[in-house]
Amino acid sequence: MCLSIPAKLIAIDGDHATVSFGGNSYRAGLQLLDDVQVGDYVLLHAGFAIQKLDRREAEETLRLIDEMQDPPAGTEKS
């Protein structure tokens, strides 16, 4: 199974970008995308931005990921 994560572009340097996810920053290749700008959301997979995302869709996905990491009280595994 492959997994890609929504990440926000925070800086662009040629064909690479710095993206942010989960409070950390990562370097991502932009070779697969055209017309991305600082502030855009992209899907990050294996070090590459593979798709530009709608802001609302990206934020909802990130919210769901956060929710999976912090389950509601009383549902923790023992």
PDB file of N, CA and C in Angstrom:
ATOM      1  N   MET A   1       0.840  -1.176   0.000  1.00  0.00           N
ATOM      2  CA  MET A   1       0.000   0.000   0.000  1.00  0.00           C
ATOM      3  C   MET A   1       0.882   1.235   0.000  1.00  0.00           C
ATOM      4  N   CYS A   2       0.539   2.194  -0.823  1.00  0.00           N
ATOM      5  CA  CYS A   2       1.263   3.462  -0.882  1.00  0.00           C
ATOM      6  C   CYS A   2       0.519   4.496  -0.057  1.00  0.00           C
ATOM      7  N   LEU A   3       1.272   5.424   0.481  1.00  0.00           N
ATOM      8  CA  LEU A   3       0.688   6.469   1.302  1.00  0.00           C
ATOM      9  C   LEU A   3       1.263   7.809   0.873  1.00  0.00           C
ATOM     10  N   SER A   4       0.403   8.760   0.640  1.00  0.00           N
ATOM     11  CA  SER A   4       0.842  10.130   0.395  1.00  0.00           C
ATOM     12  C   SER A   4       0.177  11.015   1.443  1.00  0.00           C
ATOM     13  N   ILE A   5       0.878  12.061   1.812  1.00  0.00           N
ATOM     14  CA  ILE A   5       0.441  12.926   2.908  1.00  0.00           C
ATOM     15  C   ILE A   5       0.260  14.354   2.396  1.00  0.00           C
ATOM     16  N   PRO A   6      -0.837  15.020   2.754  1.00  0.00           N
ATOM     17  CA  PRO A   6      -0.967  16.432   2.398  1.00  0.00           C
ATOM     18  C   PRO A   6       0.083  17.257   3.143  1.00  0.00           C
ATOM     19  N   ALA A   7       0.748  18.133   2.422  1.00  0.00           N
ATOM     20  CA  ALA A   7       1.762  18.999   3.015  1.00  0.00           C
ATOM     21  C   ALA A   7       1.627  20.388   2.409  1.00  0.00           C
ATOM     22  N   LYS A   8       1.945  21.401   3.201  1.00  0.00           N
ATOM     23  CA  LYS A   8       1.838  22.788   2.749  1.00  0.00           C
ATOM     24  C   LYS A   8       3.202  23.279   2.280  1.00  0.00           C
ATOM     25  N   LEU A   9       3.257  23.880   1.091  1.00  0.00           N
ATOM     26  CA  LEU A   9       4.503  24.450   0.583  1.00  0.00           C
ATOM     27  C   LEU A   9       4.831  25.713   1.369  1.00  0.00           C
ATOM     28  N   ILE A  10       6.021  25.737   1.962  1.00  0.00           N
ATOM     29  CA  ILE A  10       6.403  26.923   2.734  1.00  0.00           C
ATOM     30  C   ILE A  10       7.564  27.676   2.095  1.00  0.00           C
ATOM     31  N   ALA A  11       8.267  27.055   1.146  1.00  0.00           N
ATOM     32  CA  ALA A  11       9.332  27.734   0.404  1.00  0.00           C
ATOM     33  C   ALA A  11       9.611  26.953  -0.867  1.00  0.00           C
ATOM     34  N   ILE A  12       9.969  27.662  -1.935  1.00  0.00           N
ATOM     35  CA  ILE A  12      10.320  27.027  -3.201  1.00  0.00           C
ATOM     36  C   ILE A  12      11.708  27.498  -3.601  1.00  0.00           C
ATOM     37  N   ASP A  13      12.549  26.518  -4.001  1.00  0.00           N
ATOM     38  CA  ASP A  13      13.909  26.801  -4.460  1.00  0.00           C
ATOM     39  C   ASP A  13      14.151  25.985  -5.723  1.00  0.00           C
ATOM     40  N   GLY A  14      13.856  26.583  -6.884  1.00  0.00           N
ATOM     41  CA  GLY A  14      14.014  25.873  -8.151  1.00  0.00           C
ATOM     42  C   GLY A  14      13.017  24.746  -8.271  1.00  0.00           C
ATOM     43  N   ASP A  15      13.529  23.524  -8.471  1.00  0.00           N
ATOM     44  CA  ASP A  15      12.633  22.377  -8.618  1.00  0.00           C
ATOM     45  C   ASP A  15      12.472  21.587  -7.322  1.00  0.00           C
ATOM     46  N   HIS A  16      12.762  22.244  -6.192  1.00  0.00           N
ATOM     47  CA  HIS A  16      12.547  21.648  -4.871  1.00  0.00           C
ATOM     48  C   HIS A  16      11.784  22.632  -3.990  1.00  0.00           C
ATOM     49  N   ALA A  17      11.155  22.089  -2.972  1.00  0.00           N
ATOM     50  CA  ALA A  17      10.398  22.923  -2.044  1.00  0.00           C
ATOM     51  C   ALA A  17      10.613  22.425  -0.629  1.00  0.00           C
ATOM     52  N   THR A  18      10.372  23.315   0.303  1.00  0.00           N
ATOM     53  CA  THR A  18      10.249  22.929   1.702  1.00  0.00           C
ATOM     54  C   THR A  18       8.765  22.872   1.981  1.00  0.00           C
ATOM     55  N   VAL A  19       8.335  21.726   2.505  1.00  0.00           N
ATOM     56  CA  VAL A  19       6.920  21.537   2.824  1.00  0.00           C
ATOM     57  C   VAL A  19       6.778  21.252   4.309  1.00  0.00           C
ATOM     58  N   SER A  20       5.599  21.517   4.837  1.00  0.00           N
ATOM     59  CA  SER A  20       5.344  21.339   6.259  1.00  0.00           C
ATOM     60  C   SER A  20       4.201  20.354   6.456  1.00  0.00           C
ATOM     61  N   PHE A  21       4.417  19.447   7.410  1.00  0.00           N
ATOM     62  CA  PHE A  21       3.384  18.482   7.792  1.00  0.00           C
ATOM     63  C   PHE A  21       3.635  18.078   9.234  1.00  0.00           C
ATOM     64  N   GLY A  22       2.614  18.116  10.048  1.00  0.00           N
ATOM     65  CA  GLY A  22       2.719  17.644  11.421  1.00  0.00           C
ATOM     66  C   GLY A  22       3.731  18.391  12.267  1.00  0.00           C
ATOM     67  N   GLY A  23       3.951  19.665  11.968  1.00  0.00           N
ATOM     68  CA  GLY A  23       4.890  20.464  12.740  1.00  0.00           C
ATOM     69  C   GLY A  23       6.340  20.280  12.334  1.00  0.00           C
ATOM     70  N   ASN A  24       6.591  19.487  11.298  1.00  0.00           N
ATOM     71  CA  ASN A  24       7.946  19.272  10.798  1.00  0.00           C
ATOM     72  C   ASN A  24       8.047  19.749   9.360  1.00  0.00           C
ATOM     73  N   SER A  25       9.258  20.047   8.913  1.00  0.00           N
ATOM     74  CA  SER A  25       9.446  20.441   7.520  1.00  0.00           C
ATOM     75  C   SER A  25      10.301  19.405   6.804  1.00  0.00           C
ATOM     76  N   TYR A  26      10.020  19.264   5.509  1.00  0.00           N
ATOM     77  CA  TYR A  26      10.678  18.272   4.670  1.00  0.00           C
ATOM     78  C   TYR A  26      11.030  18.903   3.328  1.00  0.00           C
ATOM     79  N   ARG A  27      12.015  18.332   2.669  1.00  0.00           N
ATOM     80  CA  ARG A  27      12.387  18.763   1.322  1.00  0.00           C
ATOM     81  C   ARG A  27      11.634  17.868   0.334  1.00  0.00           C
ATOM     82  N   ALA A  28      11.037  18.483  -0.680  1.00  0.00           N
ATOM     83  CA  ALA A  28      10.245  17.738  -1.653  1.00  0.00           C
ATOM     84  C   ALA A  28      10.611  18.156  -3.067  1.00  0.00           C
ATOM     85  N   GLY A  29      10.693  17.183  -3.958  1.00  0.00           N
ATOM     86  CA  GLY A  29      10.913  17.470  -5.372  1.00  0.00           C
ATOM     87  C   GLY A  29       9.632  17.967  -6.019  1.00  0.00           C
ATOM     88  N   LEU A  30       9.768  18.973  -6.870  1.00  0.00           N
ATOM     89  CA  LEU A  30       8.613  19.539  -7.575  1.00  0.00           C
ATOM     90  C   LEU A  30       8.602  19.171  -9.053  1.00  0.00           C
ATOM     91  N   GLN A  31       9.445  18.248  -9.460  1.00  0.00           N
ATOM     92  CA  GLN A  31       9.600  17.921 -10.868  1.00  0.00           C
ATOM     93  C   GLN A  31       8.326  17.398 -11.518  1.00  0.00           C
ATOM     94  N   LEU A  32       7.391  16.898 -10.745  1.00  0.00           N
ATOM     95  CA  LEU A  32       6.172  16.304 -11.295  1.00  0.00           C
ATOM     96  C   LEU A  32       5.008  17.291 -11.396  1.00  0.00           C
ATOM     97  N   LEU A  33       5.201  18.519 -10.911  1.00  0.00           N
ATOM     98  CA  LEU A  33       4.106  19.494 -10.890  1.00  0.00           C
ATOM     99  C   LEU A  33       4.501  20.794 -11.573  1.00  0.00           C
ATOM    100  N   ASP A  34       3.502  21.446 -12.136  1.00  0.00           N
ATOM    101  CA  ASP A  34       3.648  22.797 -12.677  1.00  0.00           C
ATOM    102  C   ASP A  34       2.767  23.725 -11.859  1.00  0.00           C
ATOM    103  N   ASP A  35       3.111  24.990 -11.872  1.00  0.00           N
ATOM    104  CA  ASP A  35       2.238  26.017 -11.312  1.00  0.00           C
ATOM    105  C   ASP A  35       1.889  25.799  -9.841  1.00  0.00           C
ATOM    106  N   VAL A  36       2.899  25.581  -9.001  1.00  0.00           N
ATOM    107  CA  VAL A  36       2.666  25.549  -7.558  1.00  0.00           C
ATOM    108  C   VAL A  36       3.290  26.789  -6.948  1.00  0.00           C
ATOM    109  N   GLN A  37       2.702  27.253  -5.869  1.00  0.00           N
ATOM    110  CA  GLN A  37       3.156  28.463  -5.205  1.00  0.00           C
ATOM    111  C   GLN A  37       3.223  28.224  -3.706  1.00  0.00           C
ATOM    112  N   VAL A  38       4.025  29.047  -3.034  1.00  0.00           N
ATOM    113  CA  VAL A  38       4.084  28.997  -1.579  1.00  0.00           C
ATOM    114  C   VAL A  38       2.660  29.176  -1.049  1.00  0.00           C
ATOM    115  N   GLY A  39       2.280  28.327  -0.101  1.00  0.00           N
ATOM    116  CA  GLY A  39       0.938  28.353   0.463  1.00  0.00           C
ATOM    117  C   GLY A  39       0.037  27.274  -0.097  1.00  0.00           C
ATOM    118  N   ASP A  40       0.399  26.707  -1.260  1.00  0.00           N
ATOM    119  CA  ASP A  40      -0.378  25.610  -1.833  1.00  0.00           C
ATOM    120  C   ASP A  40      -0.198  24.345  -1.001  1.00  0.00           C
ATOM    121  N   TYR A  41      -1.165  23.455  -1.107  1.00  0.00           N
ATOM    122  CA  TYR A  41      -1.058  22.125  -0.512  1.00  0.00           C
ATOM    123  C   TYR A  41      -0.788  21.123  -1.627  1.00  0.00           C
ATOM    124  N   VAL A  42       0.077  20.152  -1.334  1.00  0.00           N
ATOM    125  CA  VAL A  42       0.400  19.092  -2.278  1.00  0.00           C
ATOM    126  C   VAL A  42       0.346  17.751  -1.554  1.00  0.00           C
ATOM    127  N   LEU A  43       0.215  16.682  -2.332  1.00  0.00           N
ATOM    128  CA  LEU A  43       0.387  15.339  -1.781  1.00  0.00           C
ATOM    129  C   LEU A  43       1.869  15.008  -1.856  1.00  0.00           C
ATOM    130  N   LEU A  44       2.435  14.622  -0.736  1.00  0.00           N
ATOM    131  CA  LEU A  44       3.849  14.275  -0.640  1.00  0.00           C
ATOM    132  C   LEU A  44       3.985  12.762  -0.587  1.00  0.00           C
ATOM    133  N   HIS A  45       4.753  12.208  -1.530  1.00  0.00           N
ATOM    134  CA  HIS A  45       4.960  10.757  -1.587  1.00  0.00           C
ATOM    135  C   HIS A  45       6.403  10.482  -1.997  1.00  0.00           C
ATOM    136  N   ALA A  46       7.115   9.738  -1.170  1.00  0.00           N
ATOM    137  CA  ALA A  46       8.491   9.314  -1.467  1.00  0.00           C
ATOM    138  C   ALA A  46       9.388  10.499  -1.818  1.00  0.00           C
ATOM    139  N   GLY A  47       9.160  11.616  -1.143  1.00  0.00           N
ATOM    140  CA  GLY A  47      10.008  12.785  -1.346  1.00  0.00           C
ATOM    141  C   GLY A  47       9.618  13.674  -2.509  1.00  0.00           C
ATOM    142  N   PHE A  48       8.502  13.381  -3.152  1.00  0.00           N
ATOM    143  CA  PHE A  48       8.055  14.187  -4.288  1.00  0.00           C
ATOM    144  C   PHE A  48       6.641  14.701  -4.064  1.00  0.00           C
ATOM    145  N   ALA A  49       6.401  15.927  -4.495  1.00  0.00           N
ATOM    146  CA  ALA A  49       5.052  16.462  -4.545  1.00  0.00           C
ATOM    147  C   ALA A  49       4.420  15.881  -5.800  1.00  0.00           C
ATOM    148  N   ILE A  50       3.347  15.095  -5.636  1.00  0.00           N
ATOM    149  CA  ILE A  50       2.792  14.378  -6.785  1.00  0.00           C
ATOM    150  C   ILE A  50       1.462  14.937  -7.275  1.00  0.00           C
ATOM    151  N   GLN A  51       0.830  15.793  -6.475  1.00  0.00           N
ATOM    152  CA  GLN A  51      -0.460  16.355  -6.878  1.00  0.00           C
ATOM    153  C   GLN A  51      -0.744  17.593  -6.056  1.00  0.00           C
ATOM    154  N   LYS A  52      -1.276  18.609  -6.701  1.00  0.00           N
ATOM    155  CA  LYS A  52      -1.720  19.807  -5.996  1.00  0.00           C
ATOM    156  C   LYS A  52      -3.113  19.539  -5.439  1.00  0.00           C
ATOM    157  N   LEU A  53      -3.359  19.985  -4.196  1.00  0.00           N
ATOM    158  CA  LEU A  53      -4.637  19.742  -3.533  1.00  0.00           C
ATOM    159  C   LEU A  53      -5.392  21.033  -3.276  1.00  0.00           C
ATOM    160  N   ASP A  54      -6.701  20.904  -3.245  1.00  0.00           N
ATOM    161  CA  ASP A  54      -7.560  21.986  -2.786  1.00  0.00           C
ATOM    162  C   ASP A  54      -7.305  22.199  -1.292  1.00  0.00           C
ATOM    163  N   ARG A  55      -7.220  23.437  -0.856  1.00  0.00           N
ATOM    164  CA  ARG A  55      -6.915  23.759   0.537  1.00  0.00           C
ATOM    165  C   ARG A  55      -7.888  23.086   1.503  1.00  0.00           C
ATOM    166  N   ARG A  56      -9.186  23.156   1.219  1.00  0.00           N
ATOM    167  CA  ARG A  56     -10.174  22.563   2.126  1.00  0.00           C
ATOM    168  C   ARG A  56     -10.017  21.045   2.222  1.00  0.00           C
ATOM    169  N   GLU A  57      -9.779  20.402   1.100  1.00  0.00           N
ATOM    170  CA  GLU A  57      -9.580  18.954   1.096  1.00  0.00           C
ATOM    171  C   GLU A  57      -8.340  18.574   1.904  1.00  0.00           C
ATOM    172  N   ALA A  58      -7.251  19.326   1.712  1.00  0.00           N
ATOM    173  CA  ALA A  58      -6.012  19.044   2.447  1.00  0.00           C
ATOM    174  C   ALA A  58      -6.210  19.242   3.946  1.00  0.00           C
ATOM    175  N   GLU A  59      -6.848  20.334   4.335  1.00  0.00           N
ATOM    176  CA  GLU A  59      -7.050  20.603   5.758  1.00  0.00           C
ATOM    177  C   GLU A  59      -7.960  19.564   6.412  1.00  0.00           C
ATOM    178  N   GLU A  60      -8.979  19.099   5.692  1.00  0.00           N
ATOM    179  CA  GLU A  60      -9.856  18.063   6.228  1.00  0.00           C
ATOM    180  C   GLU A  60      -9.095  16.747   6.397  1.00  0.00           C
ATOM    181  N   THR A  61      -8.261  16.395   5.429  1.00  0.00           N
ATOM    182  CA  THR A  61      -7.457  15.177   5.536  1.00  0.00           C
ATOM    183  C   THR A  61      -6.494  15.263   6.705  1.00  0.00           C
ATOM    184  N   LEU A  62      -5.849  16.406   6.878  1.00  0.00           N
ATOM    185  CA  LEU A  62      -4.928  16.587   8.001  1.00  0.00           C
ATOM    186  C   LEU A  62      -5.665  16.501   9.337  1.00  0.00           C
ATOM    187  N   ARG A  63      -6.890  17.035   9.386  1.00  0.00           N
ATOM    188  CA  ARG A  63      -7.694  16.945  10.602  1.00  0.00           C
ATOM    189  C   ARG A  63      -8.002  15.484  10.935  1.00  0.00           C
ATOM    190  N   LEU A  64      -8.351  14.710   9.923  1.00  0.00           N
ATOM    191  CA  LEU A  64      -8.640  13.291  10.135  1.00  0.00           C
ATOM    192  C   LEU A  64      -7.401  12.517  10.586  1.00  0.00           C
ATOM    193  N   ILE A  65      -6.251  12.846  10.027  1.00  0.00           N
ATOM    194  CA  ILE A  65      -4.999  12.201  10.448  1.00  0.00           C
ATOM    195  C   ILE A  65      -4.720  12.528  11.904  1.00  0.00           C
ATOM    196  N   ASP A  66      -4.887  13.789  12.288  1.00  0.00           N
ATOM    197  CA  ASP A  66      -4.702  14.182  13.694  1.00  0.00           C
ATOM    198  C   ASP A  66      -5.666  13.428  14.604  1.00  0.00           C
ATOM    199  N   GLU A  67      -6.895  13.280  14.151  1.00  0.00           N
ATOM    200  CA  GLU A  67      -7.910  12.580  14.941  1.00  0.00           C
ATOM    201  C   GLU A  67      -7.520  11.112  15.152  1.00  0.00           C
ATOM    202  N   MET A  68      -6.939  10.483  14.146  1.00  0.00           N
ATOM    203  CA  MET A  68      -6.495   9.084  14.282  1.00  0.00           C
ATOM    204  C   MET A  68      -5.337   8.965  15.265  1.00  0.00           C
ATOM    205  N   GLN A  69      -4.499   9.990  15.341  1.00  0.00           N
ATOM    206  CA  GLN A  69      -3.354   9.957  16.246  1.00  0.00           C
ATOM    207  C   GLN A  69      -3.769  10.209  17.684  1.00  0.00           C
ATOM    208  N   ASP A  70      -4.842  10.953  17.887  1.00  0.00           N
ATOM    209  CA  ASP A  70      -5.326  11.292  19.224  1.00  0.00           C
ATOM    210  C   ASP A  70      -6.753  10.793  19.379  1.00  0.00           C
ATOM    211  N   PRO A  71      -6.936   9.492  19.662  1.00  0.00           N
ATOM    212  CA  PRO A  71      -8.297   8.962  19.770  1.00  0.00           C
ATOM    213  C   PRO A  71      -9.051   9.597  20.935  1.00  0.00           C
ATOM    214  N   PRO A  72     -10.385   9.612  20.841  1.00  0.00           N
ATOM    215  CA  PRO A  72     -11.188  10.170  21.942  1.00  0.00           C
ATOM    216  C   PRO A  72     -10.921   9.442  23.251  1.00  0.00           C
ATOM    217  N   ALA A  73     -11.114  10.127  24.346  1.00  0.00           N
ATOM    218  CA  ALA A  73     -10.911   9.533  25.675  1.00  0.00           C
ATOM    219  C   ALA A  73     -11.732   8.269  25.807  1.00  0.00           C
ATOM    220  N   GLY A  74     -11.149   7.270  26.415  1.00  0.00           N
ATOM    221  CA  GLY A  74     -11.830   6.015  26.643  1.00  0.00           C
ATOM    222  C   GLY A  74     -11.680   5.005  25.516  1.00  0.00           C
ATOM    223  N   THR A  75     -10.986   5.403  24.430  1.00  0.00           N
ATOM    224  CA  THR A  75     -10.834   4.478  23.298  1.00  0.00           C
ATOM    225  C   THR A  75      -9.378   4.058  23.100  1.00  0.00           C
ATOM    226  N   GLU A  76      -8.504   4.412  24.054  1.00  0.00           N
ATOM    227  CA  GLU A  76      -7.099   4.059  23.925  1.00  0.00           C
ATOM    228  C   GLU A  76      -6.915   2.563  24.020  1.00  0.00           C
ATOM    229  N   LYS A  77      -5.920   2.060  23.281  1.00  0.00           N
ATOM    230  CA  LYS A  77      -5.589   0.635  23.381  1.00  0.00           C
ATOM    231  C   LYS A  77      -4.793   0.398  24.645  1.00  0.00           C
ATOM    232  N   SER A  78      -4.981  -0.772  25.251  1.00  0.00           N
ATOM    233  CA  SER A  78      -4.236  -1.086  26.480  1.00  0.00           C
ATOM    234  C   SER A  78      -2.997  -1.892  26.175  1.00  0.00           C
TER     235      SER A  78
END
